[in-house]
Amino acid sequence: MRAAKPQQAGCNEIERSLIAYLDSRPCAADTLDGIVSWWLPLQRYAAARGSIEAALAHLVELDVLRRDRLPDGSDLYALDGGSPSLAN
């Protein structure tokens, strides 16, 4: 018998992350150590990637960061040397 999925509104963040991971990988199985080491970090990264990418693009637009294209096609981000800091 399969356990019922918890109601989204009643779940805490960890439960939602576990369910989201298993929804995208229904055949996954692991130990507690494996889940802590792999599932949750991967799920958080996947969920946050779009937000991180948008924040980087915005900071490039503001000339706080610069974006340099690497030979493999990926982008490298670093502080733009001539720009004021947003931390002040």
N, C-alpha and C. Protein backbone atom coordinates (compact mmCIF):
# COMPACT_ATOMS: atom_id res chain seq x y z
N MET A 1 0.84 -1.18 0.00
CA MET A 1 0.00 0.00 0.00
C MET A 1 0.89 1.24 0.00
N ARG A 2 0.62 2.15 -0.88
CA ARG A 2 1.40 3.38 -1.01
C ARG A 2 0.89 4.44 -0.05
N ALA A 3 1.82 5.12 0.60
CA ALA A 3 1.45 6.17 1.53
C ALA A 3 0.85 7.35 0.79
N ALA A 4 -0.13 7.98 1.39
CA ALA A 4 -0.75 9.16 0.79
C ALA A 4 0.23 10.32 0.81
N LYS A 5 0.19 11.14 -0.24
CA LYS A 5 1.02 12.34 -0.27
C LYS A 5 0.47 13.35 0.72
N PRO A 6 1.36 13.98 1.49
CA PRO A 6 0.87 15.00 2.42
C PRO A 6 0.29 16.20 1.68
N GLN A 7 -0.66 16.86 2.30
CA GLN A 7 -1.23 18.08 1.73
C GLN A 7 -0.13 19.12 1.63
N GLN A 8 -0.02 19.83 0.51
CA GLN A 8 1.02 20.84 0.32
C GLN A 8 0.98 21.90 1.43
N ALA A 9 -0.20 22.35 1.81
CA ALA A 9 -0.30 23.42 2.80
C ALA A 9 0.17 22.96 4.18
N GLY A 10 0.07 21.65 4.47
CA GLY A 10 0.44 21.16 5.77
C GLY A 10 1.88 20.67 5.88
N CYS A 11 2.63 20.71 4.80
CA CYS A 11 3.99 20.20 4.79
C CYS A 11 4.99 21.27 5.17
N ASN A 12 6.05 20.84 5.82
CA ASN A 12 7.11 21.80 6.05
C ASN A 12 8.04 21.82 4.83
N GLU A 13 9.02 22.67 4.83
CA GLU A 13 9.90 22.86 3.66
C GLU A 13 10.62 21.57 3.28
N ILE A 14 11.12 20.83 4.26
CA ILE A 14 11.84 19.59 3.96
C ILE A 14 10.92 18.57 3.32
N GLU A 15 9.72 18.43 3.83
CA GLU A 15 8.76 17.48 3.25
C GLU A 15 8.44 17.86 1.82
N ARG A 16 8.23 19.16 1.56
CA ARG A 16 7.93 19.61 0.19
C ARG A 16 9.11 19.32 -0.73
N SER A 17 10.34 19.51 -0.24
CA SER A 17 11.52 19.24 -1.05
C SER A 17 11.64 17.74 -1.37
N LEU A 18 11.36 16.90 -0.38
CA LEU A 18 11.41 15.46 -0.61
C LEU A 18 10.36 15.02 -1.63
N ILE A 19 9.15 15.52 -1.49
CA ILE A 19 8.09 15.16 -2.43
C ILE A 19 8.41 15.67 -3.83
N ALA A 20 8.93 16.88 -3.94
CA ALA A 20 9.30 17.42 -5.26
C ALA A 20 10.39 16.58 -5.91
N TYR A 21 11.38 16.16 -5.11
CA TYR A 21 12.45 15.32 -5.64
C TYR A 21 11.88 14.01 -6.16
N LEU A 22 11.02 13.38 -5.37
CA LEU A 22 10.45 12.09 -5.77
C LEU A 22 9.46 12.22 -6.91
N ASP A 23 8.77 13.34 -7.01
CA ASP A 23 7.87 13.55 -8.15
C ASP A 23 8.65 13.56 -9.45
N SER A 24 9.86 14.11 -9.43
CA SER A 24 10.66 14.16 -10.66
C SER A 24 11.51 12.90 -10.85
N ARG A 25 11.63 12.08 -9.80
CA ARG A 25 12.41 10.83 -9.87
C ARG A 25 11.65 9.74 -9.11
N PRO A 26 10.54 9.26 -9.66
CA PRO A 26 9.66 8.35 -8.90
C PRO A 26 10.29 7.01 -8.53
N CYS A 27 11.36 6.61 -9.17
CA CYS A 27 12.01 5.34 -8.83
C CYS A 27 13.17 5.50 -7.86
N ALA A 28 13.41 6.71 -7.37
CA ALA A 28 14.54 6.98 -6.49
C ALA A 28 14.34 6.28 -5.14
N ALA A 29 15.47 5.83 -4.57
CA ALA A 29 15.49 5.24 -3.24
C ALA A 29 16.88 5.47 -2.67
N ASP A 30 16.98 5.81 -1.40
CA ASP A 30 18.29 6.06 -0.79
C ASP A 30 18.19 5.98 0.71
N THR A 31 19.34 5.93 1.36
CA THR A 31 19.42 5.95 2.83
C THR A 31 19.29 7.39 3.31
N LEU A 32 19.16 7.55 4.61
CA LEU A 32 19.11 8.90 5.19
C LEU A 32 20.36 9.68 4.79
N ASP A 33 21.54 9.06 4.90
CA ASP A 33 22.78 9.75 4.53
C ASP A 33 22.75 10.18 3.06
N GLY A 34 22.28 9.31 2.18
CA GLY A 34 22.20 9.65 0.76
C GLY A 34 21.21 10.77 0.50
N ILE A 35 20.08 10.72 1.18
CA ILE A 35 19.07 11.76 1.01
C ILE A 35 19.61 13.11 1.48
N VAL A 36 20.27 13.12 2.62
CA VAL A 36 20.83 14.37 3.15
C VAL A 36 21.93 14.89 2.24
N SER A 37 22.76 13.98 1.70
CA SER A 37 23.90 14.39 0.88
C SER A 37 23.53 14.75 -0.55
N TRP A 38 22.52 14.09 -1.11
CA TRP A 38 22.24 14.25 -2.54
C TRP A 38 20.88 14.82 -2.85
N TRP A 39 19.83 14.27 -2.31
CA TRP A 39 18.50 14.68 -2.72
C TRP A 39 18.19 16.12 -2.37
N LEU A 40 18.35 16.47 -1.12
CA LEU A 40 17.95 17.81 -0.70
C LEU A 40 18.82 18.91 -1.31
N PRO A 41 20.17 18.74 -1.33
CA PRO A 41 20.96 19.78 -2.00
C PRO A 41 20.61 19.91 -3.48
N LEU A 42 20.39 18.79 -4.16
CA LEU A 42 20.02 18.85 -5.58
C LEU A 42 18.68 19.53 -5.77
N GLN A 43 17.72 19.23 -4.93
CA GLN A 43 16.39 19.83 -5.06
C GLN A 43 16.45 21.33 -4.81
N ARG A 44 17.19 21.76 -3.81
CA ARG A 44 17.30 23.19 -3.53
C ARG A 44 17.98 23.92 -4.68
N TYR A 45 19.03 23.32 -5.23
CA TYR A 45 19.75 23.93 -6.35
C TYR A 45 18.83 24.07 -7.55
N ALA A 46 18.10 23.03 -7.87
CA ALA A 46 17.21 23.07 -9.04
C ALA A 46 16.13 24.13 -8.86
N ALA A 47 15.58 24.23 -7.66
CA ALA A 47 14.51 25.19 -7.41
C ALA A 47 15.03 26.63 -7.43
N ALA A 48 16.26 26.82 -6.99
CA ALA A 48 16.81 28.16 -6.87
C ALA A 48 17.53 28.64 -8.13
N ARG A 49 17.84 27.76 -9.06
CA ARG A 49 18.65 28.11 -10.22
C ARG A 49 18.07 29.30 -10.99
N GLY A 50 16.78 29.28 -11.27
CA GLY A 50 16.16 30.38 -12.03
C GLY A 50 16.26 31.70 -11.30
N SER A 51 16.06 31.68 -9.99
CA SER A 51 16.16 32.92 -9.20
C SER A 51 17.59 33.43 -9.17
N ILE A 52 18.54 32.52 -9.05
CA ILE A 52 19.95 32.92 -9.04
C ILE A 52 20.34 33.52 -10.39
N GLU A 53 19.90 32.88 -11.46
CA GLU A 53 20.21 33.38 -12.80
C GLU A 53 19.62 34.77 -13.02
N ALA A 54 18.39 34.99 -12.57
CA ALA A 54 17.75 36.30 -12.71
C ALA A 54 18.49 37.36 -11.89
N ALA A 55 18.92 37.01 -10.68
CA ALA A 55 19.65 37.96 -9.84
C ALA A 55 20.99 38.32 -10.47
N LEU A 56 21.68 37.34 -11.02
CA LEU A 56 22.96 37.61 -11.70
C LEU A 56 22.75 38.53 -12.90
N ALA A 57 21.73 38.25 -13.71
CA ALA A 57 21.45 39.08 -14.88
C ALA A 57 21.15 40.52 -14.47
N HIS A 58 20.38 40.68 -13.40
CA HIS A 58 20.04 42.01 -12.92
C HIS A 58 21.29 42.77 -12.46
N LEU A 59 22.17 42.08 -11.73
CA LEU A 59 23.40 42.72 -11.26
C LEU A 59 24.34 43.06 -12.41
N VAL A 60 24.31 42.28 -13.47
CA VAL A 60 25.09 42.62 -14.67
C VAL A 60 24.50 43.87 -15.32
N GLU A 61 23.17 43.94 -15.41
CA GLU A 61 22.52 45.13 -15.97
C GLU A 61 22.85 46.39 -15.19
N LEU A 62 23.00 46.26 -13.88
CA LEU A 62 23.32 47.40 -13.02
C LEU A 62 24.81 47.72 -13.00
N ASP A 63 25.59 46.95 -13.75
CA ASP A 63 27.06 47.10 -13.80
C ASP A 63 27.73 46.84 -12.45
N VAL A 64 27.09 46.05 -11.61
CA VAL A 64 27.70 45.63 -10.35
C VAL A 64 28.59 44.41 -10.62
N LEU A 65 28.09 43.52 -11.47
CA LEU A 65 28.86 42.35 -11.89
C LEU A 65 29.18 42.45 -13.36
N ARG A 66 30.22 41.74 -13.75
CA ARG A 66 30.49 41.56 -15.17
C ARG A 66 30.32 40.08 -15.49
N ARG A 67 29.97 39.81 -16.73
CA ARG A 67 29.79 38.44 -17.19
C ARG A 67 30.78 38.21 -18.33
N ASP A 68 31.63 37.21 -18.17
CA ASP A 68 32.60 36.86 -19.21
C ASP A 68 32.28 35.48 -19.73
N ARG A 69 32.22 35.35 -21.05
CA ARG A 69 31.95 34.06 -21.67
C ARG A 69 33.23 33.24 -21.72
N LEU A 70 33.17 32.01 -21.21
CA LEU A 70 34.31 31.11 -21.22
C LEU A 70 34.34 30.31 -22.52
N PRO A 71 35.49 29.73 -22.87
CA PRO A 71 35.58 28.96 -24.13
C PRO A 71 34.55 27.84 -24.24
N ASP A 72 34.12 27.27 -23.11
CA ASP A 72 33.13 26.19 -23.18
C ASP A 72 31.70 26.70 -23.31
N GLY A 73 31.52 28.03 -23.36
CA GLY A 73 30.19 28.61 -23.53
C GLY A 73 29.51 29.00 -22.23
N SER A 74 30.07 28.61 -21.09
CA SER A 74 29.47 29.01 -19.82
C SER A 74 29.89 30.44 -19.48
N ASP A 75 29.17 31.04 -18.55
CA ASP A 75 29.45 32.41 -18.14
C ASP A 75 30.13 32.43 -16.79
N LEU A 76 31.10 33.32 -16.66
CA LEU A 76 31.82 33.53 -15.41
C LEU A 76 31.42 34.90 -14.88
N TYR A 77 31.00 34.97 -13.62
CA TYR A 77 30.56 36.23 -13.02
C TYR A 77 31.58 36.70 -11.99
N ALA A 78 31.81 38.00 -11.96
CA ALA A 78 32.72 38.61 -10.99
C ALA A 78 32.31 40.06 -10.80
N LEU A 79 32.80 40.66 -9.72
CA LEU A 79 32.54 42.08 -9.51
C LEU A 79 33.08 42.88 -10.68
N ASP A 80 32.31 43.87 -11.09
CA ASP A 80 32.76 44.80 -12.12
C ASP A 80 33.63 45.83 -11.41
N GLY A 81 34.92 45.86 -11.71
CA GLY A 81 35.89 46.67 -11.00
C GLY A 81 35.54 48.13 -10.81
N GLY A 82 34.85 48.75 -11.76
CA GLY A 82 34.57 50.18 -11.65
C GLY A 82 33.21 50.51 -11.07
N SER A 83 32.51 49.52 -10.55
CA SER A 83 31.15 49.81 -10.11
C SER A 83 31.05 50.02 -8.60
N PRO A 84 30.07 50.81 -8.18
CA PRO A 84 29.85 50.98 -6.75
C PRO A 84 29.23 49.72 -6.16
N SER A 85 29.43 49.50 -4.89
CA SER A 85 28.88 48.34 -4.21
C SER A 85 27.42 48.60 -3.84
N LEU A 86 26.60 47.54 -3.89
CA LEU A 86 25.21 47.65 -3.44
C LEU A 86 25.09 47.48 -1.94
N ALA A 87 26.16 47.05 -1.29
CA ALA A 87 26.11 46.77 0.16
C ALA A 87 26.04 48.04 0.97
N ASN A 88 26.45 49.16 0.42
CA ASN A 88 26.47 50.42 1.19
C ASN A 88 25.11 51.07 1.17
